[in-house]
């Protein structure tokens, strides 16, 4: 909800609420802003990037 509150920044999805993995589908031209938000959330929550799981399904 935090990410999606930034209008046009990104849509967030997950395969399962029990997995704890999310994907950001970043809006066109919003890469720098998304990176800033991701860095701040990492500082505040411990969120970190991971390699895409092999069983992750593309939209």
N, C-alpha and C. Protein backbone atom coordinates (compact mmCIF):
# COMPACT_ATOMS: atom_id res chain seq x y z
N UNK A 1 0.82 -1.19 0.00
CA UNK A 1 0.00 0.00 0.00
C UNK A 1 0.87 1.25 0.00
N UNK A 2 2.01 1.21 0.63
CA UNK A 2 2.88 2.38 0.66
C UNK A 2 3.35 2.73 -0.75
N UNK A 3 3.83 1.75 -1.48
CA UNK A 3 4.33 1.98 -2.83
C UNK A 3 3.20 2.45 -3.74
N UNK A 4 2.06 1.82 -3.67
CA UNK A 4 0.95 2.18 -4.55
C UNK A 4 0.34 3.53 -4.20
N UNK A 5 0.64 4.07 -3.03
CA UNK A 5 0.16 5.39 -2.65
C UNK A 5 0.85 6.49 -3.45
N UNK A 6 2.04 6.21 -3.98
CA UNK A 6 2.73 7.15 -4.85
C UNK A 6 2.14 7.00 -6.24
N UNK A 7 1.29 7.92 -6.62
CA UNK A 7 0.53 7.83 -7.87
C UNK A 7 1.44 7.58 -9.08
N UNK A 8 1.23 6.45 -9.74
CA UNK A 8 1.96 6.12 -10.96
C UNK A 8 3.32 5.51 -10.74
N UNK A 9 3.75 5.37 -9.49
CA UNK A 9 5.09 4.84 -9.23
C UNK A 9 5.21 3.37 -9.61
N UNK A 10 4.35 2.54 -9.04
CA UNK A 10 4.44 1.11 -9.30
C UNK A 10 3.19 0.40 -8.81
N UNK A 11 2.98 -0.77 -9.37
CA UNK A 11 1.97 -1.70 -8.89
C UNK A 11 2.76 -2.82 -8.22
N UNK A 12 2.29 -3.26 -7.07
CA UNK A 12 2.99 -4.31 -6.34
C UNK A 12 2.16 -5.58 -6.40
N UNK A 13 2.85 -6.70 -6.64
CA UNK A 13 2.14 -7.99 -6.66
C UNK A 13 2.98 -9.05 -5.96
N UNK A 14 2.31 -10.12 -5.56
CA UNK A 14 3.00 -11.27 -4.97
C UNK A 14 2.30 -12.53 -5.45
N UNK A 15 3.04 -13.63 -5.45
CA UNK A 15 2.44 -14.91 -5.83
C UNK A 15 1.60 -15.47 -4.70
N UNK A 16 2.05 -15.22 -3.46
CA UNK A 16 1.35 -15.76 -2.31
C UNK A 16 1.69 -14.91 -1.09
N UNK A 17 0.71 -14.62 -0.30
CA UNK A 17 0.96 -13.82 0.90
C UNK A 17 1.85 -14.54 1.91
N UNK A 18 1.94 -15.85 1.80
CA UNK A 18 2.76 -16.61 2.76
C UNK A 18 4.24 -16.64 2.38
N UNK A 19 4.58 -16.22 1.17
CA UNK A 19 5.98 -16.29 0.71
C UNK A 19 6.82 -15.10 1.10
N UNK A 20 6.23 -13.93 1.23
CA UNK A 20 6.99 -12.74 1.60
C UNK A 20 7.77 -12.13 0.45
N UNK A 21 7.52 -12.56 -0.78
CA UNK A 21 8.19 -11.99 -1.95
C UNK A 21 7.19 -11.11 -2.69
N UNK A 22 7.69 -9.95 -3.14
CA UNK A 22 6.85 -9.06 -3.93
C UNK A 22 7.60 -8.63 -5.17
N UNK A 23 6.86 -8.17 -6.14
CA UNK A 23 7.44 -7.60 -7.36
C UNK A 23 6.84 -6.23 -7.57
N UNK A 24 7.68 -5.28 -7.94
CA UNK A 24 7.19 -3.96 -8.30
C UNK A 24 7.14 -3.88 -9.81
N UNK A 25 6.01 -3.52 -10.36
CA UNK A 25 5.89 -3.25 -11.78
C UNK A 25 5.92 -1.73 -11.88
N UNK A 26 7.08 -1.21 -12.27
CA UNK A 26 7.35 0.23 -12.18
C UNK A 26 6.75 0.96 -13.38
N UNK A 27 6.12 2.09 -13.06
CA UNK A 27 5.53 2.92 -14.10
C UNK A 27 6.58 3.50 -15.03
N UNK A 28 6.18 3.77 -16.25
CA UNK A 28 7.09 4.32 -17.25
C UNK A 28 7.70 5.63 -16.76
N UNK A 29 9.03 5.70 -16.84
CA UNK A 29 9.74 6.90 -16.45
C UNK A 29 9.88 7.10 -14.95
N UNK A 30 9.51 6.11 -14.16
CA UNK A 30 9.53 6.24 -12.70
C UNK A 30 10.67 5.46 -12.04
N UNK A 31 11.64 5.04 -12.82
CA UNK A 31 12.72 4.20 -12.29
C UNK A 31 13.48 4.87 -11.14
N UNK A 32 13.88 6.13 -11.32
CA UNK A 32 14.66 6.81 -10.28
C UNK A 32 13.85 6.98 -9.01
N UNK A 33 12.59 7.37 -9.16
CA UNK A 33 11.73 7.55 -7.99
C UNK A 33 11.51 6.22 -7.27
N UNK A 34 11.30 5.16 -8.04
CA UNK A 34 11.10 3.83 -7.45
C UNK A 34 12.34 3.39 -6.67
N UNK A 35 13.51 3.67 -7.21
CA UNK A 35 14.75 3.32 -6.53
C UNK A 35 14.87 4.07 -5.21
N UNK A 36 14.51 5.35 -5.20
CA UNK A 36 14.56 6.14 -3.97
C UNK A 36 13.62 5.57 -2.90
N UNK A 37 12.41 5.24 -3.31
CA UNK A 37 11.44 4.67 -2.37
C UNK A 37 11.94 3.32 -1.86
N UNK A 38 12.48 2.50 -2.75
CA UNK A 38 12.99 1.18 -2.35
C UNK A 38 14.12 1.32 -1.35
N UNK A 39 15.02 2.26 -1.59
CA UNK A 39 16.14 2.46 -0.65
C UNK A 39 15.64 2.90 0.72
N UNK A 40 14.68 3.81 0.73
CA UNK A 40 14.14 4.29 2.02
C UNK A 40 13.41 3.17 2.76
N UNK A 41 12.62 2.38 2.02
CA UNK A 41 11.92 1.26 2.66
C UNK A 41 12.91 0.22 3.18
N UNK A 42 14.01 0.04 2.47
CA UNK A 42 15.04 -0.89 2.95
C UNK A 42 15.60 -0.42 4.28
N UNK A 43 15.83 0.90 4.40
CA UNK A 43 16.35 1.45 5.66
C UNK A 43 15.34 1.28 6.80
N UNK A 44 14.08 1.51 6.49
CA UNK A 44 13.05 1.50 7.54
C UNK A 44 12.56 0.10 7.90
N UNK A 45 12.55 -0.82 6.94
CA UNK A 45 11.91 -2.12 7.17
C UNK A 45 12.82 -3.33 7.02
N UNK A 46 13.99 -3.14 6.43
CA UNK A 46 14.85 -4.29 6.17
C UNK A 46 14.54 -4.98 4.85
N UNK A 47 13.61 -4.41 4.08
CA UNK A 47 13.30 -4.96 2.77
C UNK A 47 14.57 -4.97 1.92
N UNK A 48 14.78 -6.02 1.13
CA UNK A 48 15.97 -6.09 0.30
C UNK A 48 15.65 -6.80 -1.02
N UNK A 49 16.40 -6.45 -2.07
CA UNK A 49 16.18 -7.12 -3.35
C UNK A 49 16.68 -8.56 -3.30
N UNK A 50 16.00 -9.42 -4.04
CA UNK A 50 16.43 -10.82 -4.16
C UNK A 50 16.41 -11.20 -5.64
N UNK A 51 17.07 -12.27 -5.97
CA UNK A 51 16.99 -12.80 -7.33
C UNK A 51 15.57 -13.30 -7.57
N UNK A 52 15.09 -13.16 -8.78
CA UNK A 52 13.74 -13.61 -9.12
C UNK A 52 13.64 -15.13 -8.94
N UNK A 53 12.71 -15.60 -8.13
CA UNK A 53 12.55 -17.05 -7.95
C UNK A 53 12.23 -17.75 -9.27
N UNK A 54 12.71 -18.94 -9.43
CA UNK A 54 12.51 -19.70 -10.67
C UNK A 54 11.03 -19.95 -10.96
N UNK A 55 10.22 -20.04 -9.92
CA UNK A 55 8.80 -20.34 -10.14
C UNK A 55 7.93 -19.08 -10.23
N UNK A 56 8.55 -17.90 -10.35
CA UNK A 56 7.79 -16.66 -10.47
C UNK A 56 7.18 -16.58 -11.86
N UNK A 57 5.92 -16.24 -11.94
CA UNK A 57 5.21 -16.21 -13.21
C UNK A 57 5.11 -14.77 -13.73
N UNK A 58 5.45 -14.58 -15.01
CA UNK A 58 5.27 -13.27 -15.62
C UNK A 58 3.80 -12.99 -15.82
N UNK A 59 3.46 -11.72 -15.86
CA UNK A 59 2.08 -11.33 -16.13
C UNK A 59 1.78 -11.52 -17.60
